Amino acid sequence: MSLFCNNNFVKMNNLEQFNLKEAKKASLSQVLEINESHKPMLSSLGDLGKLEDLIALSTFGSFLVFQREICAFIVCMREDLPYESLNYQYFQKKYKKFLYIDRVGVKKGFENRGFGSFMYGNIFKNYINEQLTICAEANIEPINKQSLKFHEKMGFRRVEDHFFSNKYGVAYLEKNF
């Protein structure tokens, strides 16, 4: 399923959304910078090559441009992909059909302007008829209160907590359609 027409599918009030799979290196560098600025809440990708590999594997990915500046991005995966993320594998074992939100990043200074809600809303609109579970996780060690609150606001329920070590744990979150 494609959420895009002619590379971008939304342009309103100086906000545009573009397909990550069609992004130029300069745009990907900015997306990587946003990702890396959110460590440890988002796992580090380290370099552009790893971001490009992640995007190639992804089912859906987009970035937002607001007033000519990249301000947010999202990367999602469907089931049955050879993705080694332990969090993705948790949902792969649980569901035959799902959409996993692997990572979302909003550039510092652009938080709390509705960009995350906008991206999630578009995913909900486009996957509502697929009868699948939308899955994500949020850190509980170290705690990411903002992400937990955001996902609750977006209608996700916390289904399980998992600790990988005494320094890293996540809450698994789900929203059913």
C-alpha atoms as a PDB file:
ATOM      1  CA  MET A   1       0.000   0.000   0.000  1.00  0.00           C
ATOM      2  CA  SER A   2       1.356   3.383  -0.942  1.00  0.00           C
ATOM      3  CA  LEU A   3       0.509   6.521   0.934  1.00  0.00           C
ATOM      4  CA  PHE A   4       2.033   8.751  -1.718  1.00  0.00           C
ATOM      5  CA  CYS A   5       1.217  10.265  -5.085  1.00  0.00           C
ATOM      6  CA  ASN A   6       3.968  12.024  -7.017  1.00  0.00           C
ATOM      7  CA  ASN A   7       6.444  11.674  -4.120  1.00  0.00           C
ATOM      8  CA  ASN A   8       4.449  13.756  -1.615  1.00  0.00           C
ATOM      9  CA  PHE A   9       0.861  13.226  -0.629  1.00  0.00           C
ATOM     10  CA  VAL A  10       0.235  16.146   1.667  1.00  0.00           C
ATOM     11  CA  LYS A  11       0.985  19.799   1.246  1.00  0.00           C
ATOM     12  CA  MET A  12      -0.831  22.204   3.483  1.00  0.00           C
ATOM     13  CA  ASN A  13       0.087  25.133   5.668  1.00  0.00           C
ATOM     14  CA  ASN A  14       3.774  24.839   4.754  1.00  0.00           C
ATOM     15  CA  LEU A  15       3.815  21.143   5.760  1.00  0.00           C
ATOM     16  CA  GLU A  16       4.810  18.489   3.228  1.00  0.00           C
ATOM     17  CA  GLN A  17       5.259  14.744   3.683  1.00  0.00           C
ATOM     18  CA  PHE A  18       7.696  12.814   1.486  1.00  0.00           C
ATOM     19  CA  ASN A  19       8.517   9.152   0.922  1.00  0.00           C
ATOM     20  CA  LEU A  20      11.809   8.159   2.603  1.00  0.00           C
ATOM     21  CA  LYS A  21      12.479   5.561  -0.110  1.00  0.00           C
ATOM     22  CA  GLU A  22      12.735   8.406  -2.636  1.00  0.00           C
ATOM     23  CA  ALA A  23      14.752  10.800  -0.461  1.00  0.00           C
ATOM     24  CA  LYS A  24      18.054  12.295  -1.561  1.00  0.00           C
ATOM     25  CA  LYS A  25      21.193  11.800   0.534  1.00  0.00           C
ATOM     26  CA  ALA A  26      21.034  15.353   1.885  1.00  0.00           C
ATOM     27  CA  SER A  27      17.548  14.687   3.257  1.00  0.00           C
ATOM     28  CA  LEU A  28      18.597  11.314   4.667  1.00  0.00           C
ATOM     29  CA  SER A  29      21.530  12.961   6.431  1.00  0.00           C
ATOM     30  CA  GLN A  30      19.100  15.274   8.200  1.00  0.00           C
ATOM     31  CA  VAL A  31      16.837  12.338   9.121  1.00  0.00           C
ATOM     32  CA  LEU A  32      19.870  10.516  10.532  1.00  0.00           C
ATOM     33  CA  GLU A  33      20.788  13.606  12.539  1.00  0.00           C
ATOM     34  CA  ILE A  34      17.287  13.692  14.057  1.00  0.00           C
ATOM     35  CA  ASN A  35      17.504   9.978  14.869  1.00  0.00           C
ATOM     36  CA  GLU A  36      20.909  10.295  16.524  1.00  0.00           C
ATOM     37  CA  SER A  37      19.770  13.313  18.572  1.00  0.00           C
ATOM     38  CA  HIS A  38      17.223  11.084  20.326  1.00  0.00           C
ATOM     39  CA  LYS A  39      19.639   8.482  21.735  1.00  0.00           C
ATOM     40  CA  PRO A  40      18.989   6.453  23.870  1.00  0.00           C
ATOM     41  CA  MET A  41      15.223   6.756  23.267  1.00  0.00           C
ATOM     42  CA  LEU A  42      15.830   5.796  19.628  1.00  0.00           C
ATOM     43  CA  SER A  43      18.542   3.273  18.926  1.00  0.00           C
ATOM     44  CA  SER A  44      21.532   4.694  17.124  1.00  0.00           C
ATOM     45  CA  LEU A  45      21.927   3.881  13.451  1.00  0.00           C
ATOM     46  CA  GLY A  46      25.467   5.231  13.412  1.00  0.00           C
ATOM     47  CA  ASP A  47      25.796   6.034   9.737  1.00  0.00           C
ATOM     48  CA  LEU A  48      23.887   6.795   6.563  1.00  0.00           C
ATOM     49  CA  GLY A  49      24.382   3.273   5.187  1.00  0.00           C
ATOM     50  CA  LYS A  50      22.477   1.734   8.105  1.00  0.00           C
ATOM     51  CA  LEU A  51      19.647   4.238   7.674  1.00  0.00           C
ATOM     52  CA  GLU A  52      19.471   3.424   3.952  1.00  0.00           C
ATOM     53  CA  ASP A  53      19.366  -0.319   4.762  1.00  0.00           C
ATOM     54  CA  LEU A  54      16.552   0.252   7.272  1.00  0.00           C
ATOM     55  CA  ILE A  55      14.554   2.288   4.765  1.00  0.00           C
ATOM     56  CA  ALA A  56      15.069  -0.327   2.039  1.00  0.00           C
ATOM     57  CA  LEU A  57      13.701  -3.006   4.386  1.00  0.00           C
ATOM     58  CA  SER A  58      10.796  -0.862   5.606  1.00  0.00           C
ATOM     59  CA  THR A  59       7.234  -1.059   4.359  1.00  0.00           C
ATOM     60  CA  PHE A  60       6.585   2.610   4.883  1.00  0.00           C
ATOM     61  CA  GLY A  61       8.695   5.592   5.806  1.00  0.00           C
ATOM     62  CA  SER A  62       8.216   9.298   5.447  1.00  0.00           C
ATOM     63  CA  PHE A  63       9.622  12.611   6.531  1.00  0.00           C
ATOM     64  CA  LEU A  64       7.945  15.937   7.128  1.00  0.00           C
ATOM     65  CA  VAL A  65       9.164  19.269   5.863  1.00  0.00           C
ATOM     66  CA  PHE A  66       7.837  22.360   7.580  1.00  0.00           C
ATOM     67  CA  GLN A  67       8.750  25.755   6.176  1.00  0.00           C
ATOM     68  CA  ARG A  68      11.545  24.127   4.114  1.00  0.00           C
ATOM     69  CA  GLU A  69      13.099  22.310   7.092  1.00  0.00           C
ATOM     70  CA  ILE A  70      12.979  18.568   7.781  1.00  0.00           C
ATOM     71  CA  CYS A  71      11.293  18.353  11.154  1.00  0.00           C
ATOM     72  CA  ALA A  72      10.164  14.734  11.654  1.00  0.00           C
ATOM     73  CA  PHE A  73      10.303  11.203  10.274  1.00  0.00           C
ATOM     74  CA  ILE A  74       8.737   7.771  10.747  1.00  0.00           C
ATOM     75  CA  VAL A  75       9.765   4.241   9.684  1.00  0.00           C
ATOM     76  CA  CYS A  76       7.326   1.293   9.749  1.00  0.00           C
ATOM     77  CA  MET A  77       7.553  -2.433   8.988  1.00  0.00           C
ATOM     78  CA  ARG A  78       4.944  -5.032   8.095  1.00  0.00           C
ATOM     79  CA  GLU A  79       5.127  -8.667   9.143  1.00  0.00           C
ATOM     80  CA  ASP A  80       7.482 -11.341   7.761  1.00  0.00           C
ATOM     81  CA  LEU A  81      10.503  -9.134   7.116  1.00  0.00           C
ATOM     82  CA  PRO A  82      14.067 -10.234   7.908  1.00  0.00           C
ATOM     83  CA  TYR A  83      14.423  -7.497  10.505  1.00  0.00           C
ATOM     84  CA  GLU A  84      16.623  -8.410  13.451  1.00  0.00           C
ATOM     85  CA  SER A  85      15.155  -5.967  15.972  1.00  0.00           C
ATOM     86  CA  LEU A  86      14.165  -7.868  19.132  1.00  0.00           C
ATOM     87  CA  ASN A  87      11.168  -5.577  19.504  1.00  0.00           C
ATOM     88  CA  TYR A  88       9.984  -6.324  15.962  1.00  0.00           C
ATOM     89  CA  GLN A  89      10.526 -10.041  16.586  1.00  0.00           C
ATOM     90  CA  TYR A  90       8.318  -9.845  19.690  1.00  0.00           C
ATOM     91  CA  PHE A  91       5.383  -8.734  17.519  1.00  0.00           C
ATOM     92  CA  GLN A  92       6.331 -11.139  14.705  1.00  0.00           C
ATOM     93  CA  LYS A  93       5.903 -14.061  17.124  1.00  0.00           C
ATOM     94  CA  LYS A  94       2.586 -12.691  18.367  1.00  0.00           C
ATOM     95  CA  TYR A  95       0.797 -11.717  15.130  1.00  0.00           C
ATOM     96  CA  LYS A  96       0.390 -12.995  11.595  1.00  0.00           C
ATOM     97  CA  LYS A  97      -0.572  -9.511  10.396  1.00  0.00           C
ATOM     98  CA  PHE A  98       0.679  -6.250  11.909  1.00  0.00           C
ATOM     99  CA  LEU A  99       2.337  -2.910  11.258  1.00  0.00           C
ATOM    100  CA  TYR A 100       5.312  -2.114  13.480  1.00  0.00           C
ATOM    101  CA  ILE A 101       6.275   1.513  14.033  1.00  0.00           C
ATOM    102  CA  ASP A 102      10.026   1.097  14.317  1.00  0.00           C
ATOM    103  CA  ARG A 103      11.010   4.676  14.965  1.00  0.00           C
ATOM    104  CA  VAL A 104       9.644   8.181  15.005  1.00  0.00           C
ATOM    105  CA  GLY A 105      11.764  11.260  15.472  1.00  0.00           C
ATOM    106  CA  VAL A 106      10.825  14.898  15.773  1.00  0.00           C
ATOM    107  CA  LYS A 107      13.585  17.467  15.515  1.00  0.00           C
ATOM    108  CA  LYS A 108      14.375  19.355  18.686  1.00  0.00           C
ATOM    109  CA  GLY A 109      12.535  22.666  18.656  1.00  0.00           C
ATOM    110  CA  PHE A 110       9.630  21.156  16.676  1.00  0.00           C
ATOM    111  CA  GLU A 111       8.158  19.027  19.487  1.00  0.00           C
ATOM    112  CA  ASN A 112       4.546  19.390  20.603  1.00  0.00           C
ATOM    113  CA  ARG A 113       3.364  20.909  17.325  1.00  0.00           C
ATOM    114  CA  GLY A 114       1.326  17.883  16.238  1.00  0.00           C
ATOM    115  CA  PHE A 115       3.819  16.401  13.756  1.00  0.00           C
ATOM    116  CA  GLY A 116       3.824  12.971  15.439  1.00  0.00           C
ATOM    117  CA  SER A 117       0.022  12.954  15.633  1.00  0.00           C
ATOM    118  CA  PHE A 118      -0.138  13.967  11.972  1.00  0.00           C
ATOM    119  CA  MET A 119       2.102  11.059  10.881  1.00  0.00           C
ATOM    120  CA  TYR A 120       0.266   8.525  13.063  1.00  0.00           C
ATOM    121  CA  GLY A 121      -3.095   9.837  11.861  1.00  0.00           C
ATOM    122  CA  ASN A 122      -2.102   9.211   8.256  1.00  0.00           C
ATOM    123  CA  ILE A 123      -1.023   5.673   9.119  1.00  0.00           C
ATOM    124  CA  PHE A 124      -4.330   5.027  10.884  1.00  0.00           C
ATOM    125  CA  LYS A 125      -6.316   6.363   7.911  1.00  0.00           C
ATOM    126  CA  ASN A 126      -4.421   4.210   5.450  1.00  0.00           C
ATOM    127  CA  TYR A 127      -4.403   0.975   7.440  1.00  0.00           C
ATOM    128  CA  ILE A 128      -7.831   1.113   9.109  1.00  0.00           C
ATOM    129  CA  ASN A 129      -9.373  -1.313   6.594  1.00  0.00           C
ATOM    130  CA  GLU A 130      -6.536  -3.849   6.851  1.00  0.00           C
ATOM    131  CA  GLN A 131      -7.767  -5.298  10.160  1.00  0.00           C
ATOM    132  CA  LEU A 132      -4.350  -5.443  11.711  1.00  0.00           C
ATOM    133  CA  THR A 133      -2.656  -4.438  14.914  1.00  0.00           C
ATOM    134  CA  ILE A 134      -0.410  -1.397  14.899  1.00  0.00           C
ATOM    135  CA  CYS A 135       2.513  -2.019  17.219  1.00  0.00           C
ATOM    136  CA  ALA A 136       5.200   0.104  18.843  1.00  0.00           C
ATOM    137  CA  GLU A 137       7.319   0.257  21.950  1.00  0.00           C
ATOM    138  CA  ALA A 138       8.468   2.988  24.269  1.00  0.00           C
ATOM    139  CA  ASN A 139      11.377   2.957  26.667  1.00  0.00           C
ATOM    140  CA  ILE A 140      10.598   2.419  30.326  1.00  0.00           C
ATOM    141  CA  GLU A 141      14.289   2.168  31.284  1.00  0.00           C
ATOM    142  CA  PRO A 142      15.432   4.827  30.725  1.00  0.00           C
ATOM    143  CA  ILE A 143      11.874   6.064  30.824  1.00  0.00           C
ATOM    144  CA  ASN A 144      10.444   7.991  27.900  1.00  0.00           C
ATOM    145  CA  LYS A 145       7.404   9.590  29.542  1.00  0.00           C
ATOM    146  CA  GLN A 146       6.677  11.729  26.486  1.00  0.00           C
ATOM    147  CA  SER A 147       6.390   8.666  24.212  1.00  0.00           C
ATOM    148  CA  LEU A 148       4.274   6.714  26.699  1.00  0.00           C
ATOM    149  CA  LYS A 149       1.902   9.674  27.074  1.00  0.00           C
ATOM    150  CA  PHE A 150       1.784  10.239  23.294  1.00  0.00           C
ATOM    151  CA  HIS A 151       0.918   6.606  22.538  1.00  0.00           C
ATOM    152  CA  GLU A 152      -1.785   6.590  25.213  1.00  0.00           C
ATOM    153  CA  LYS A 153      -3.262   9.750  23.652  1.00  0.00           C
ATOM    154  CA  MET A 154      -3.201   8.044  20.230  1.00  0.00           C
ATOM    155  CA  GLY A 155      -5.209   5.079  21.566  1.00  0.00           C
ATOM    156  CA  PHE A 156      -2.447   2.505  22.129  1.00  0.00           C
ATOM    157  CA  ARG A 157      -2.678   0.147  25.064  1.00  0.00           C
ATOM    158  CA  ARG A 158       0.319  -1.083  27.032  1.00  0.00           C
ATOM    159  CA  VAL A 159       0.331  -4.874  26.760  1.00  0.00           C
ATOM    160  CA  GLU A 160       3.643  -5.973  28.247  1.00  0.00           C
ATOM    161  CA  ASP A 161       6.862  -4.657  29.751  1.00  0.00           C
ATOM    162  CA  HIS A 162      10.139  -6.309  28.841  1.00  0.00           C
ATOM    163  CA  PHE A 163      13.560  -5.681  30.365  1.00  0.00           C
ATOM    164  CA  PHE A 164      16.585  -6.598  28.286  1.00  0.00           C
ATOM    165  CA  SER A 165      18.915  -5.549  31.140  1.00  0.00           C
ATOM    166  CA  ASN A 166      18.746  -3.466  34.293  1.00  0.00           C
ATOM    167  CA  LYS A 167      19.561  -0.424  32.113  1.00  0.00           C
ATOM    168  CA  TYR A 168      17.158  -1.025  29.215  1.00  0.00           C
ATOM    169  CA  GLY A 169      13.483  -1.942  29.152  1.00  0.00           C
ATOM    170  CA  VAL A 170      10.496  -1.253  26.915  1.00  0.00           C
ATOM    171  CA  ALA A 171       6.719  -1.204  27.135  1.00  0.00           C
ATOM    172  CA  TYR A 172       5.077  -2.956  24.193  1.00  0.00           C
ATOM    173  CA  LEU A 173       2.146  -0.958  22.845  1.00  0.00           C
ATOM    174  CA  GLU A 174      -0.688  -1.942  20.517  1.00  0.00           C
ATOM    175  CA  LYS A 175      -3.657  -0.391  18.740  1.00  0.00           C
ATOM    176  CA  ASN A 176      -6.214  -2.631  17.032  1.00  0.00           C
ATOM    177  CA  PHE A 177      -8.427  -1.753  14.092  1.00  0.00           C
END
